[in-house]
C-alpha atoms as a PDB file:
ATOM      1  CA  MET A   1      37.763  79.778  28.298  1.00  0.00           C
ATOM      2  CA  SER A   2      37.912  78.103  25.130  1.00  0.00           C
ATOM      3  CA  SER A   3      39.828  75.084  24.103  1.00  0.00           C
ATOM      4  CA  SER A   4      42.388  75.660  21.203  1.00  0.00           C
ATOM      5  CA  LEU A   5      44.678  73.625  19.374  1.00  0.00           C
ATOM      6  CA  VAL A   6      48.413  74.834  19.933  1.00  0.00           C
ATOM      7  CA  GLN A   7      50.561  72.276  17.744  1.00  0.00           C
ATOM      8  CA  THR A   8      50.050  69.018  16.070  1.00  0.00           C
ATOM      9  CA  THR A   9      52.721  66.548  13.786  1.00  0.00           C
ATOM     10  CA  GLY A  10      52.986  63.107  13.404  1.00  0.00           C
ATOM     11  CA  VAL A  11      55.171  60.371  11.801  1.00  0.00           C
ATOM     12  CA  GLN A  12      54.912  57.206   9.978  1.00  0.00           C
ATOM     13  CA  SER A  13      57.176  54.214  10.387  1.00  0.00           C
ATOM     14  CA  VAL A  14      59.407  52.614   7.348  1.00  0.00           C
ATOM     15  CA  GLY A  15      58.797  49.204   7.747  1.00  0.00           C
ATOM     16  CA  VAL A  16      57.761  47.694  11.209  1.00  0.00           C
ATOM     17  CA  VAL A  17      59.777  48.691  13.980  1.00  0.00           C
ATOM     18  CA  ALA A  18      60.257  48.229  18.128  1.00  0.00           C
ATOM     19  CA  SER A  19      58.713  51.784  18.667  1.00  0.00           C
ATOM     20  CA  LEU A  20      58.416  54.996  16.839  1.00  0.00           C
ATOM     21  CA  ALA A  21      58.938  58.592  18.271  1.00  0.00           C
ATOM     22  CA  LYS A  22      57.895  62.169  17.153  1.00  0.00           C
ATOM     23  CA  ALA A  23      59.425  65.377  18.761  1.00  0.00           C
ATOM     24  CA  PHE A  24      57.136  68.751  19.202  1.00  0.00           C
ATOM     25  CA  ALA A  25      57.973  71.563  16.859  1.00  0.00           C
ATOM     26  CA  SER A  26      57.902  73.800  19.803  1.00  0.00           C
ATOM     27  CA  ASN A  27      57.993  73.440  23.831  1.00  0.00           C
ATOM     28  CA  VAL A  28      55.311  72.127  25.657  1.00  0.00           C
ATOM     29  CA  THR A  29      52.995  74.134  28.227  1.00  0.00           C
ATOM     30  CA  ILE A  30      52.159  73.035  31.583  1.00  0.00           C
ATOM     31  CA  HIS A  31      48.993  72.467  32.230  1.00  0.00           C
ATOM     32  CA  ASN A  32      48.011  71.990  28.607  1.00  0.00           C
ATOM     33  CA  LEU A  33      46.645  68.143  27.134  1.00  0.00           C
ATOM     34  CA  ILE A  34      48.536  66.060  25.219  1.00  0.00           C
ATOM     35  CA  ALA A  35      46.232  63.974  22.704  1.00  0.00           C
ATOM     36  CA  VAL A  36      47.878  61.045  20.377  1.00  0.00           C
ATOM     37  CA  ALA A  37      46.583  58.443  17.945  1.00  0.00           C
ATOM     38  CA  VAL A  38      48.139  55.447  17.118  1.00  0.00           C
ATOM     39  CA  SER A  39      47.319  53.403  13.893  1.00  0.00           C
ATOM     40  CA  SER A  40      49.357  49.796  13.986  1.00  0.00           C
ATOM     41  CA  TYR A  41      49.784  46.544  12.436  1.00  0.00           C
ATOM     42  CA  PRO A  42      51.343  43.258  13.417  1.00  0.00           C
ATOM     43  CA  SER A  43      54.233  42.173  11.433  1.00  0.00           C
ATOM     44  CA  SER A  44      52.649  39.027  10.732  1.00  0.00           C
ATOM     45  CA  GLY A  45      49.253  39.729  11.018  1.00  0.00           C
ATOM     46  CA  GLY A  46      47.245  37.619  13.426  1.00  0.00           C
ATOM     47  CA  THR A  47      46.279  39.426  16.615  1.00  0.00           C
ATOM     48  CA  PRO A  48      45.813  43.184  16.548  1.00  0.00           C
ATOM     49  CA  PRO A  49      49.095  45.079  18.533  1.00  0.00           C
ATOM     50  CA  THR A  50      49.247  46.643  21.633  1.00  0.00           C
ATOM     51  CA  HIS A  51      51.663  49.090  22.401  1.00  0.00           C
ATOM     52  CA  THR A  52      52.116  51.859  25.231  1.00  0.00           C
ATOM     53  CA  VAL A  53      53.066  55.835  24.933  1.00  0.00           C
ATOM     54  CA  ALA A  54      55.921  57.315  26.638  1.00  0.00           C
ATOM     55  CA  ASP A  55      57.619  60.809  26.166  1.00  0.00           C
ATOM     56  CA  THR A  56      60.843  62.757  27.569  1.00  0.00           C
ATOM     57  CA  LEU A  57      58.649  64.760  30.349  1.00  0.00           C
ATOM     58  CA  THR A  58      57.995  61.754  31.908  1.00  0.00           C
ATOM     59  CA  HIS A  59      54.180  61.829  31.703  1.00  0.00           C
ATOM     60  CA  THR A  60      51.730  58.978  32.268  1.00  0.00           C
ATOM     61  CA  TYR A  61      49.245  58.211  29.644  1.00  0.00           C
ATOM     62  CA  SER A  62      45.642  56.781  29.523  1.00  0.00           C
ATOM     63  CA  SER A  63      43.924  55.484  26.860  1.00  0.00           C
ATOM     64  CA  ALA A  64      40.396  57.097  25.639  1.00  0.00           C
ATOM     65  CA  ILE A  65      39.311  54.663  23.736  1.00  0.00           C
ATOM     66  CA  ARG A  66      40.529  51.261  21.127  1.00  0.00           C
ATOM     67  CA  LEU A  67      39.226  49.905  18.125  1.00  0.00           C
ATOM     68  CA  THR A  68      40.725  46.365  16.585  1.00  0.00           C
ATOM     69  CA  GLY A  69      39.638  44.818  13.586  1.00  0.00           C
ATOM     70  CA  ALA A  70      38.936  46.683  10.468  1.00  0.00           C
ATOM     71  CA  PRO A  71      36.467  45.041   7.478  1.00  0.00           C
ATOM     72  CA  THR A  72      38.726  42.303   5.936  1.00  0.00           C
ATOM     73  CA  ASP A  73      41.169  43.170   8.152  1.00  0.00           C
ATOM     74  CA  THR A  74      41.374  41.497  11.522  1.00  0.00           C
ATOM     75  CA  ALA A  75      44.837  42.480  12.654  1.00  0.00           C
ATOM     76  CA  ALA A  76      44.233  46.281  12.694  1.00  0.00           C
ATOM     77  CA  ALA A  77      44.454  48.178  15.986  1.00  0.00           C
ATOM     78  CA  HIS A  78      43.618  51.981  16.101  1.00  0.00           C
ATOM     79  CA  GLN A  79      43.731  53.871  19.476  1.00  0.00           C
ATOM     80  CA  GLN A  80      43.507  57.042  21.129  1.00  0.00           C
ATOM     81  CA  PHE A  81      46.007  58.430  24.275  1.00  0.00           C
ATOM     82  CA  TYR A  82      45.990  61.529  26.240  1.00  0.00           C
ATOM     83  CA  THR A  83      47.963  63.008  29.644  1.00  0.00           C
ATOM     84  CA  PRO A  84      48.033  66.283  31.554  1.00  0.00           C
ATOM     85  CA  ASN A  85      51.204  68.405  31.119  1.00  0.00           C
ATOM     86  CA  THR A  86      52.454  68.413  34.747  1.00  0.00           C
ATOM     87  CA  SER A  87      56.048  69.558  32.986  1.00  0.00           C
ATOM     88  CA  ALA A  88      56.922  71.948  30.522  1.00  0.00           C
ATOM     89  CA  GLY A  89      59.540  72.360  28.003  1.00  0.00           C
ATOM     90  CA  ALA A  90      60.662  70.309  24.728  1.00  0.00           C
ATOM     91  CA  ASN A  91      59.209  67.139  24.933  1.00  0.00           C
ATOM     92  CA  THR A  92      59.090  63.842  22.256  1.00  0.00           C
ATOM     93  CA  VAL A  93      56.209  61.074  22.540  1.00  0.00           C
ATOM     94  CA  THR A  94      57.084  57.213  21.764  1.00  0.00           C
ATOM     95  CA  VAL A  95      55.175  54.594  21.395  1.00  0.00           C
ATOM     96  CA  THR A  96      56.258  51.046  21.727  1.00  0.00           C
ATOM     97  CA  HIS A  97      54.975  47.616  20.815  1.00  0.00           C
ATOM     98  CA  VAL A  98      54.234  45.261  23.074  1.00  0.00           C
ATOM     99  CA  SER A  99      52.745  42.179  21.543  1.00  0.00           C
ATOM    100  CA  PRO A 100      52.633  40.184  19.494  1.00  0.00           C
ATOM    101  CA  GLY A 101      56.099  39.567  18.116  1.00  0.00           C
ATOM    102  CA  THR A 102      58.867  42.442  18.819  1.00  0.00           C
ATOM    103  CA  GLU A 103      57.708  44.744  15.954  1.00  0.00           C
ATOM    104  CA  SER A 104      54.680  46.616  14.205  1.00  0.00           C
ATOM    105  CA  PHE A 105      53.738  48.861  11.438  1.00  0.00           C
ATOM    106  CA  ILE A 106      53.004  51.804  13.312  1.00  0.00           C
ATOM    107  CA  THR A 107      51.530  55.085  12.575  1.00  0.00           C
ATOM    108  CA  LEU A 108      51.668  58.087  15.539  1.00  0.00           C
ATOM    109  CA  ALA A 109      49.849  61.348  15.524  1.00  0.00           C
ATOM    110  CA  ILE A 110      50.428  63.568  18.309  1.00  0.00           C
ATOM    111  CA  ALA A 111      48.522  67.586  19.264  1.00  0.00           C
ATOM    112  CA  GLU A 112      49.171  69.555  22.560  1.00  0.00           C
ATOM    113  CA  ILE A 113      45.789  71.441  23.528  1.00  0.00           C
ATOM    114  CA  HIS A 114      45.428  74.365  25.405  1.00  0.00           C
ATOM    115  CA  GLY A 115      42.052  75.136  27.572  1.00  0.00           C
ATOM    116  CA  CYS A 116      41.030  71.114  28.571  1.00  0.00           C
ATOM    117  CA  VAL A 117      40.085  70.721  32.313  1.00  0.00           C
ATOM    118  CA  PHE A 118      42.951  68.953  33.972  1.00  0.00           C
ATOM    119  CA  THR A 119      41.215  66.289  36.022  1.00  0.00           C
ATOM    120  CA  SER A 120      39.533  63.590  34.438  1.00  0.00           C
ATOM    121  CA  PRO A 121      39.488  64.986  30.971  1.00  0.00           C
ATOM    122  CA  VAL A 122      37.854  62.500  28.665  1.00  0.00           C
ATOM    123  CA  HIS A 123      34.283  63.343  28.008  1.00  0.00           C
ATOM    124  CA  VAL A 124      32.837  61.366  25.185  1.00  0.00           C
ATOM    125  CA  THR A 125      34.769  59.009  23.084  1.00  0.00           C
ATOM    126  CA  ASP A 126      33.061  57.119  19.821  1.00  0.00           C
ATOM    127  CA  SER A 127      34.192  54.919  17.446  1.00  0.00           C
ATOM    128  CA  GLY A 128      33.104  53.735  13.973  1.00  0.00           C
ATOM    129  CA  THR A 129      34.306  51.566  11.207  1.00  0.00           C
ATOM    130  CA  GLY A 130      32.761  50.437   7.343  1.00  0.00           C
ATOM    131  CA  THR A 131      33.908  50.372   3.969  1.00  0.00           C
ATOM    132  CA  SER A 132      33.118  53.364   1.805  1.00  0.00           C
ATOM    133  CA  THR A 133      34.786  56.668   0.740  1.00  0.00           C
ATOM    134  CA  GLY A 134      33.078  58.268   3.484  1.00  0.00           C
ATOM    135  CA  PRO A 135      34.865  57.444   6.964  1.00  0.00           C
ATOM    136  CA  THR A 136      32.604  58.787   9.901  1.00  0.00           C
ATOM    137  CA  SER A 137      32.437  58.162  13.479  1.00  0.00           C
ATOM    138  CA  GLY A 138      28.616  58.387  13.279  1.00  0.00           C
ATOM    139  CA  ASN A 139      26.693  60.874  15.293  1.00  0.00           C
ATOM    140  CA  PHE A 140      27.989  61.398  19.038  1.00  0.00           C
ATOM    141  CA  THR A 141      26.625  63.660  21.854  1.00  0.00           C
ATOM    142  CA  THR A 142      28.540  65.956  24.142  1.00  0.00           C
ATOM    143  CA  THR A 143      26.679  67.638  27.016  1.00  0.00           C
ATOM    144  CA  LEU A 144      29.926  70.230  28.037  1.00  0.00           C
ATOM    145  CA  THR A 145      31.820  72.001  25.505  1.00  0.00           C
ATOM    146  CA  SER A 146      34.661  70.109  24.318  1.00  0.00           C
ATOM    147  CA  PHE A 147      37.655  70.111  22.230  1.00  0.00           C
ATOM    148  CA  LEU A 148      36.692  67.239  19.818  1.00  0.00           C
ATOM    149  CA  TRP A 149      39.948  64.942  19.017  1.00  0.00           C
ATOM    150  CA  ALA A 150      39.286  62.496  15.756  1.00  0.00           C
ATOM    151  CA  SER A 151      41.384  60.329  13.416  1.00  0.00           C
ATOM    152  CA  MET A 152      40.859  57.990  10.935  1.00  0.00           C
ATOM    153  CA  LEU A 153      42.710  54.897   9.719  1.00  0.00           C
ATOM    154  CA  HIS A 154      42.218  53.137   5.965  1.00  0.00           C
ATOM    155  CA  ILE A 155      43.309  49.997   4.885  1.00  0.00           C
ATOM    156  CA  GLY A 156      44.540  50.282   1.147  1.00  0.00           C
ATOM    157  CA  PRO A 157      46.417  52.348  -1.160  1.00  0.00           C
ATOM    158  CA  ASP A 158      47.707  55.850  -0.583  1.00  0.00           C
ATOM    159  CA  MET A 159      45.307  58.341  -1.212  1.00  0.00           C
ATOM    160  CA  THR A 160      44.007  62.081  -0.666  1.00  0.00           C
ATOM    161  CA  ILE A 161      42.484  61.940   2.552  1.00  0.00           C
ATOM    162  CA  THR A 162      40.078  64.936   3.354  1.00  0.00           C
ATOM    163  CA  SER A 163      38.573  66.414   6.433  1.00  0.00           C
ATOM    164  CA  GLY A 164      35.072  66.814   6.486  1.00  0.00           C
ATOM    165  CA  SER A 165      33.929  70.406   6.963  1.00  0.00           C
ATOM    166  CA  PRO A 166      33.907  71.977   9.255  1.00  0.00           C
ATOM    167  CA  TRP A 167      36.531  70.008  10.974  1.00  0.00           C
ATOM    168  CA  ASN A 168      40.084  71.158  11.153  1.00  0.00           C
ATOM    169  CA  PHE A 169      43.100  68.911   9.686  1.00  0.00           C
ATOM    170  CA  ALA A 170      45.419  68.276  11.765  1.00  0.00           C
ATOM    171  CA  PHE A 171      47.773  65.197  10.323  1.00  0.00           C
ATOM    172  CA  GLU A 172      48.116  62.511   7.071  1.00  0.00           C
ATOM    173  CA  ALA A 173      50.387  59.934   6.327  1.00  0.00           C
ATOM    174  CA  GLU A 174      49.602  57.939   3.397  1.00  0.00           C
ATOM    175  CA  ASP A 175      52.432  55.338   2.858  1.00  0.00           C
ATOM    176  CA  GLY A 176      49.853  52.369   2.097  1.00  0.00           C
ATOM    177  CA  ASP A 177      52.015  49.396   3.330  1.00  0.00           C
ATOM    178  CA  ASN A 178      52.239  50.944   6.687  1.00  0.00           C
ATOM    179  CA  MET A 179      48.638  51.572   8.270  1.00  0.00           C
ATOM    180  CA  PRO A 180      47.599  55.003   6.757  1.00  0.00           C
ATOM    181  CA  LEU A 181      46.343  58.042   9.095  1.00  0.00           C
ATOM    182  CA  GLY A 182      44.544  60.872   9.364  1.00  0.00           C
ATOM    183  CA  ALA A 183      43.469  63.492  12.472  1.00  0.00           C
ATOM    184  CA  GLU A 184      41.314  66.244  12.441  1.00  0.00           C
ATOM    185  CA  TYR A 185      40.093  68.398  15.557  1.00  0.00           C
ATOM    186  CA  ARG A 186      37.183  70.946  16.186  1.00  0.00           C
ATOM    187  CA  SER A 187      38.060  73.759  19.084  1.00  0.00           C
ATOM    188  CA  ALA A 188      35.575  74.809  21.920  1.00  0.00           C
ATOM    189  CA  GLU A 189      32.238  73.151  20.617  1.00  0.00           C
ATOM    190  CA  PRO A 190      28.633  73.619  22.736  1.00  0.00           C
ATOM    191  CA  ALA A 191      26.934  70.529  23.828  1.00  0.00           C
ATOM    192  CA  GLY A 192      25.217  69.039  21.389  1.00  0.00           C
ATOM    193  CA  THR A 193      25.401  66.413  18.354  1.00  0.00           C
ATOM    194  CA  TYR A 194      28.732  65.742  16.160  1.00  0.00           C
ATOM    195  CA  ALA A 195      30.343  63.261  13.799  1.00  0.00           C
ATOM    196  CA  ALA A 196      33.948  63.111  12.597  1.00  0.00           C
ATOM    197  CA  THR A 197      33.594  62.932   8.827  1.00  0.00           C
ATOM    198  CA  TRP A 198      36.594  62.290   5.729  1.00  0.00           C
ATOM    199  CA  THR A 199      36.508  61.656   2.028  1.00  0.00           C
ATOM    200  CA  ILE A 200      38.864  59.122   0.770  1.00  0.00           C
ATOM    201  CA  GLY A 201      39.777  58.726  -2.642  1.00  0.00           C
ATOM    202  CA  ILE A 202      38.992  54.671  -3.011  1.00  0.00           C
ATOM    203  CA  SER A 203      36.333  52.485  -1.239  1.00  0.00           C
ATOM    204  CA  THR A 204      38.610  50.928   1.532  1.00  0.00           C
ATOM    205  CA  PRO A 205      37.728  49.549   5.109  1.00  0.00           C
ATOM    206  CA  TRP A 206      38.487  52.021   7.448  1.00  0.00           C
ATOM    207  CA  THR A 207      38.211  52.966  11.409  1.00  0.00           C
ATOM    208  CA  VAL A 208      37.429  55.911  13.034  1.00  0.00           C
ATOM    209  CA  LEU A 209      38.017  57.389  16.807  1.00  0.00           C
ATOM    210  CA  VAL A 210      36.924  60.404  18.387  1.00  0.00           C
ATOM    211  CA  THR A 211      37.583  61.791  22.030  1.00  0.00           C
ATOM    212  CA  ALA A 212      35.965  64.531  23.350  1.00  0.00           C
ATOM    213  CA  PHE A 213      37.522  66.857  25.692  1.00  0.00           C
ATOM    214  CA  THR A 214      35.925  68.815  28.528  1.00  0.00           C
ATOM    215  CA  ASP A 215      36.973  72.445  28.230  1.00  0.00           C
ATOM    216  CA  ASP A 216      38.060  73.834  31.467  1.00  0.00           C
ATOM    217  CA  VAL A 217      35.561  76.957  31.542  1.00  0.00           C
ATOM    218  CA  THR A 218      35.583  77.417  35.800  1.00  0.00           C
ATOM    219  CA  GLY A 219      37.909  79.708  37.524  1.00  0.00           C
ATOM    220  CA  PRO A 220      39.791  78.090  40.729  1.00  0.00           C
ATOM    221  CA  ILE A 221      38.706  77.686  44.344  1.00  0.00           C
ATOM    222  CA  ILE A 222      39.649  80.580  46.243  1.00  0.00           C
ATOM    223  CA  SER A 223      40.350  79.424  50.088  1.00  0.00           C
ATOM    224  CA  ASP A 224      42.116  80.132  53.171  1.00  0.00           C
ATOM    225  CA  VAL A 225      42.316  84.290  52.602  1.00  0.00           C
ATOM    226  CA  ALA A 226      44.404  85.323  55.325  1.00  0.00           C
ATOM    227  CA  VAL A 227      46.470  88.528  56.210  1.00  0.00           C
ATOM    228  CA  SER A 228      49.723  88.136  58.509  1.00  0.00           C
ATOM    229  CA  ASN A 229      52.745  90.209  58.894  1.00  0.00           C
ATOM    230  CA  ILE A 230      51.037  93.502  59.580  1.00  0.00           C
ATOM    231  CA  THR A 231      52.778  97.018  60.388  1.00  0.00           C
ATOM    232  CA  ARG A 232      52.769 100.470  59.983  1.00  0.00           C
ATOM    233  CA  ASN A 233      53.424 100.109  55.842  1.00  0.00           C
ATOM    234  CA  GLU A 234      53.254  96.876  54.580  1.00  0.00           C
ATOM    235  CA  ALA A 235      51.131  93.540  54.868  1.00  0.00           C
ATOM    236  CA  THR A 236      50.991  90.203  53.903  1.00  0.00           C
ATOM    237  CA  VAL A 237      48.114  88.603  52.093  1.00  0.00           C
ATOM    238  CA  THR A 238      48.104  84.696  51.815  1.00  0.00           C
ATOM    239  CA  TRP A 239      45.194  82.418  49.836  1.00  0.00           C
ATOM    240  CA  THR A 240      44.949  79.150  48.380  1.00  0.00           C
ATOM    241  CA  THR A 241      43.268  77.427  45.276  1.00  0.00           C
ATOM    242  CA  ASP A 242      42.423  74.438  44.058  1.00  0.00           C
ATOM    243  CA  GLU A 243      44.734  74.451  40.822  1.00  0.00           C
ATOM    244  CA  ILE A 244      47.765  76.548  40.200  1.00  0.00           C
ATOM    245  CA  SER A 245      47.213  79.907  38.822  1.00  0.00           C
ATOM    246  CA  ASP A 246      48.856  83.524  39.424  1.00  0.00           C
ATOM    247  CA  SER A 247      48.560  85.812  41.982  1.00  0.00           C
ATOM    248  CA  GLN A 248      47.618  89.598  42.604  1.00  0.00           C
ATOM    249  CA  VAL A 249      45.864  91.877  45.454  1.00  0.00           C
ATOM    250  CA  GLU A 250      43.612  94.592  44.854  1.00  0.00           C
ATOM    251  CA  TYR A 251      43.284  97.491  48.079  1.00  0.00           C
ATOM    252  CA  GLY A 252      42.726 100.271  49.023  1.00  0.00           C
ATOM    253  CA  THR A 253      41.124 102.680  52.048  1.00  0.00           C
ATOM    254  CA  THR A 254      38.047 101.967  50.069  1.00  0.00           C
ATOM    255  CA  VAL A 255      35.660  99.176  48.270  1.00  0.00           C
ATOM    256  CA  ALA A 256      36.723 100.619  45.146  1.00  0.00           C
ATOM    257  CA  TYR A 257      40.449  99.953  46.257  1.00  0.00           C
ATOM    258  CA  GLY A 258      42.296 102.046  43.871  1.00  0.00           C
ATOM    259  CA  SER A 259      45.376 100.379  44.015  1.00  0.00           C
ATOM    260  CA  GLU A 260      46.692  96.359  43.116  1.00  0.00           C
ATOM    261  CA  THR A 261      50.079  94.712  43.371  1.00  0.00           C
ATOM    262  CA  THR A 262      51.782  93.637  39.851  1.00  0.00           C
ATOM    263  CA  LEU A 263      50.676  90.583  38.793  1.00  0.00           C
ATOM    264  CA  ASP A 264      52.964  87.522  39.968  1.00  0.00           C
ATOM    265  CA  PRO A 265      52.794  84.699  36.944  1.00  0.00           C
ATOM    266  CA  THR A 266      53.892  81.974  38.528  1.00  0.00           C
ATOM    267  CA  LEU A 267      51.478  79.116  38.551  1.00  0.00           C
ATOM    268  CA  VAL A 268      50.883  77.839  42.385  1.00  0.00           C
ATOM    269  CA  THR A 269      48.440  76.790  44.723  1.00  0.00           C
ATOM    270  CA  SER A 270      49.717  78.446  47.853  1.00  0.00           C
ATOM    271  CA  HIS A 271      49.933  82.518  46.996  1.00  0.00           C
ATOM    272  CA  SER A 272      51.489  85.399  49.223  1.00  0.00           C
ATOM    273  CA  VAL A 273      51.421  88.660  47.948  1.00  0.00           C
ATOM    274  CA  ASP A 274      53.381  91.310  49.971  1.00  0.00           C
ATOM    275  CA  LEU A 275      51.888  95.099  50.205  1.00  0.00           C
ATOM    276  CA  THR A 276      54.143  98.246  50.470  1.00  0.00           C
ATOM    277  CA  GLY A 277      53.838 101.781  50.870  1.00  0.00           C
ATOM    278  CA  LEU A 278      50.629 101.274  53.547  1.00  0.00           C
ATOM    279  CA  ILE A 279      49.194 104.412  55.359  1.00  0.00           C
ATOM    280  CA  ALA A 280      50.054 103.994  59.032  1.00  0.00           C
ATOM    281  CA  GLY A 281      46.750 103.400  61.778  1.00  0.00           C
ATOM    282  CA  ALA A 282      44.602 103.139  58.529  1.00  0.00           C
ATOM    283  CA  THR A 283      41.587 100.223  57.605  1.00  0.00           C
ATOM    284  CA  TYR A 284      42.096  98.685  53.897  1.00  0.00           C
ATOM    285  CA  HIS A 285      39.797  96.684  52.040  1.00  0.00           C
ATOM    286  CA  PHE A 286      41.056  93.860  49.600  1.00  0.00           C
ATOM    287  CA  ARG A 287      40.397  91.258  47.488  1.00  0.00           C
ATOM    288  CA  VAL A 288      42.685  88.397  45.639  1.00  0.00           C
ATOM    289  CA  LYS A 289      42.667  87.407  42.657  1.00  0.00           C
ATOM    290  CA  SER A 290      44.185  84.434  40.496  1.00  0.00           C
ATOM    291  CA  ARG A 291      43.606  83.227  37.009  1.00  0.00           C
ATOM    292  CA  ASP A 292      44.249  79.391  35.616  1.00  0.00           C
ATOM    293  CA  VAL A 293      46.209  78.230  32.563  1.00  0.00           C
ATOM    294  CA  ALA A 294      42.820  78.235  31.152  1.00  0.00           C
ATOM    295  CA  GLY A 295      42.493  81.814  31.245  1.00  0.00           C
ATOM    296  CA  ASN A 296      39.435  81.798  33.738  1.00  0.00           C
ATOM    297  CA  LEU A 297      39.563  84.600  36.732  1.00  0.00           C
ATOM    298  CA  SER A 298      38.795  83.990  40.626  1.00  0.00           C
ATOM    299  CA  VAL A 299      37.974  87.235  43.022  1.00  0.00           C
ATOM    300  CA  SER A 300      37.937  86.646  46.085  1.00  0.00           C
ATOM    301  CA  ALA A 301      35.041  88.605  48.349  1.00  0.00           C
ATOM    302  CA  ASP A 302      36.343  91.769  50.418  1.00  0.00           C
ATOM    303  CA  GLY A 303      38.131  91.673  53.461  1.00  0.00           C
ATOM    304  CA  THR A 304      40.139  94.527  55.337  1.00  0.00           C
ATOM    305  CA  PHE A 305      43.089  94.898  58.143  1.00  0.00           C
ATOM    306  CA  THR A 306      44.199  97.866  59.912  1.00  0.00           C
ATOM    307  CA  THR A 307      47.664  98.813  59.762  1.00  0.00           C
ATOM    308  CA  THR A 308      49.117  99.747  63.327  1.00  0.00           C
ATOM    309  CA  PRO A 309      49.692 103.158  64.174  1.00  0.00           C
ATOM    310  CA  GLY A 310      52.765 102.853  65.953  1.00  0.00           C
ATOM    311  CA  PRO A 311      55.381 100.556  67.335  1.00  0.00           C
ATOM    312  CA  GLY A 312      53.358  98.108  69.468  1.00  0.00           C
ATOM    313  CA  ALA A 313      50.262  98.750  68.506  1.00  0.00           C
ATOM    314  CA  GLY A 314      47.335  95.972  67.540  1.00  0.00           C
ATOM    315  CA  ALA A 315      46.108  94.979  63.996  1.00  0.00           C
ATOM    316  CA  ALA A 316      43.565  92.839  62.645  1.00  0.00           C
ATOM    317  CA  PHE A 317      41.673  91.340  59.280  1.00  0.00           C
ATOM    318  CA  SER A 318      38.159  90.254  58.350  1.00  0.00           C
ATOM    319  CA  THR A 319      37.080  88.707  54.949  1.00  0.00           C
ATOM    320  CA  GLN A 320      33.748  88.464  53.926  1.00  0.00           C
ATOM    321  CA  GLY A 321      33.503  85.026  53.296  1.00  0.00           C
ATOM    322  CA  ARG A 322      36.477  82.805  52.723  1.00  0.00           C
ATOM    323  CA  ARG A 323      35.679  80.981  49.537  1.00  0.00           C
ATOM    324  CA  ARG A 324      34.520  81.915  45.676  1.00  0.00           C
ATOM    325  CA  ARG A 325      34.722  80.319  42.523  1.00  0.00           C
ATOM    326  CA  GLY A 326      35.143  82.289  39.220  1.00  0.00           C
ATOM    327  CA  LEU A 327      33.275  85.265  37.750  1.00  0.00           C
END
């Protein structure tokens, strides 16, 4: 399925701070991605600051790309972080100053992104630096459909920042004394060559960072399909997926099926669905279905089982193929 921006926001410190926090306006969703952009400047100049990022849901953040220095100002730092959401709920993201000293000027932009792969989501990173009214990352090339997240730091007075078409504006903080930062994005862009661009009001030094996060376009892998607890009128179907997904079973006395269970939206990797109201002594065809968080559906191969004709009779099941990717 296609990636998309769920929500974005940001905050700028007033003077130097030891940390800076910003809450998402709405609860975040499990298996979405959180992307973070940070610009900073040390309280005393000199060495570019370093930071860590954390949140109230205790996710672990990784650095996607970092660039220090800007034309005419070597103490500026600009960095992007990310984490896959392993939890859902209200969430506040905090960036904390590490060094040098104990404080720095900080600006923070955060975004929740839907539809990216959960494991190793960073596909491509790129950066640019210069002095002009047209900040740009320069050209970068992707080979997979991706969500593009770009941020721009500029050194100088307050001014208007405009995202370059067809980029979408995400966030701007424009206090010239406190590390101005802009962010923009593009959703579900196919493989190709791109450049993040802005227009700013005054020619000034700037740095640009871009991270391309890979879209999740593959359904969960279904394996270990089995039928157990077979009686005259009931049976239990179980299976496993390689990522959390929902659960549903189609079934019937022909390969046309004709019946299906109520969708269980609970996101799990070990699935179990009970079939009830079956006909005694009948052979049933069935297949299992699971859809992941990104909306990708996988369907198993056809399988069969036979209900018992009466007390004490045996039952059996079979399945043609034990593992199948999404359609």
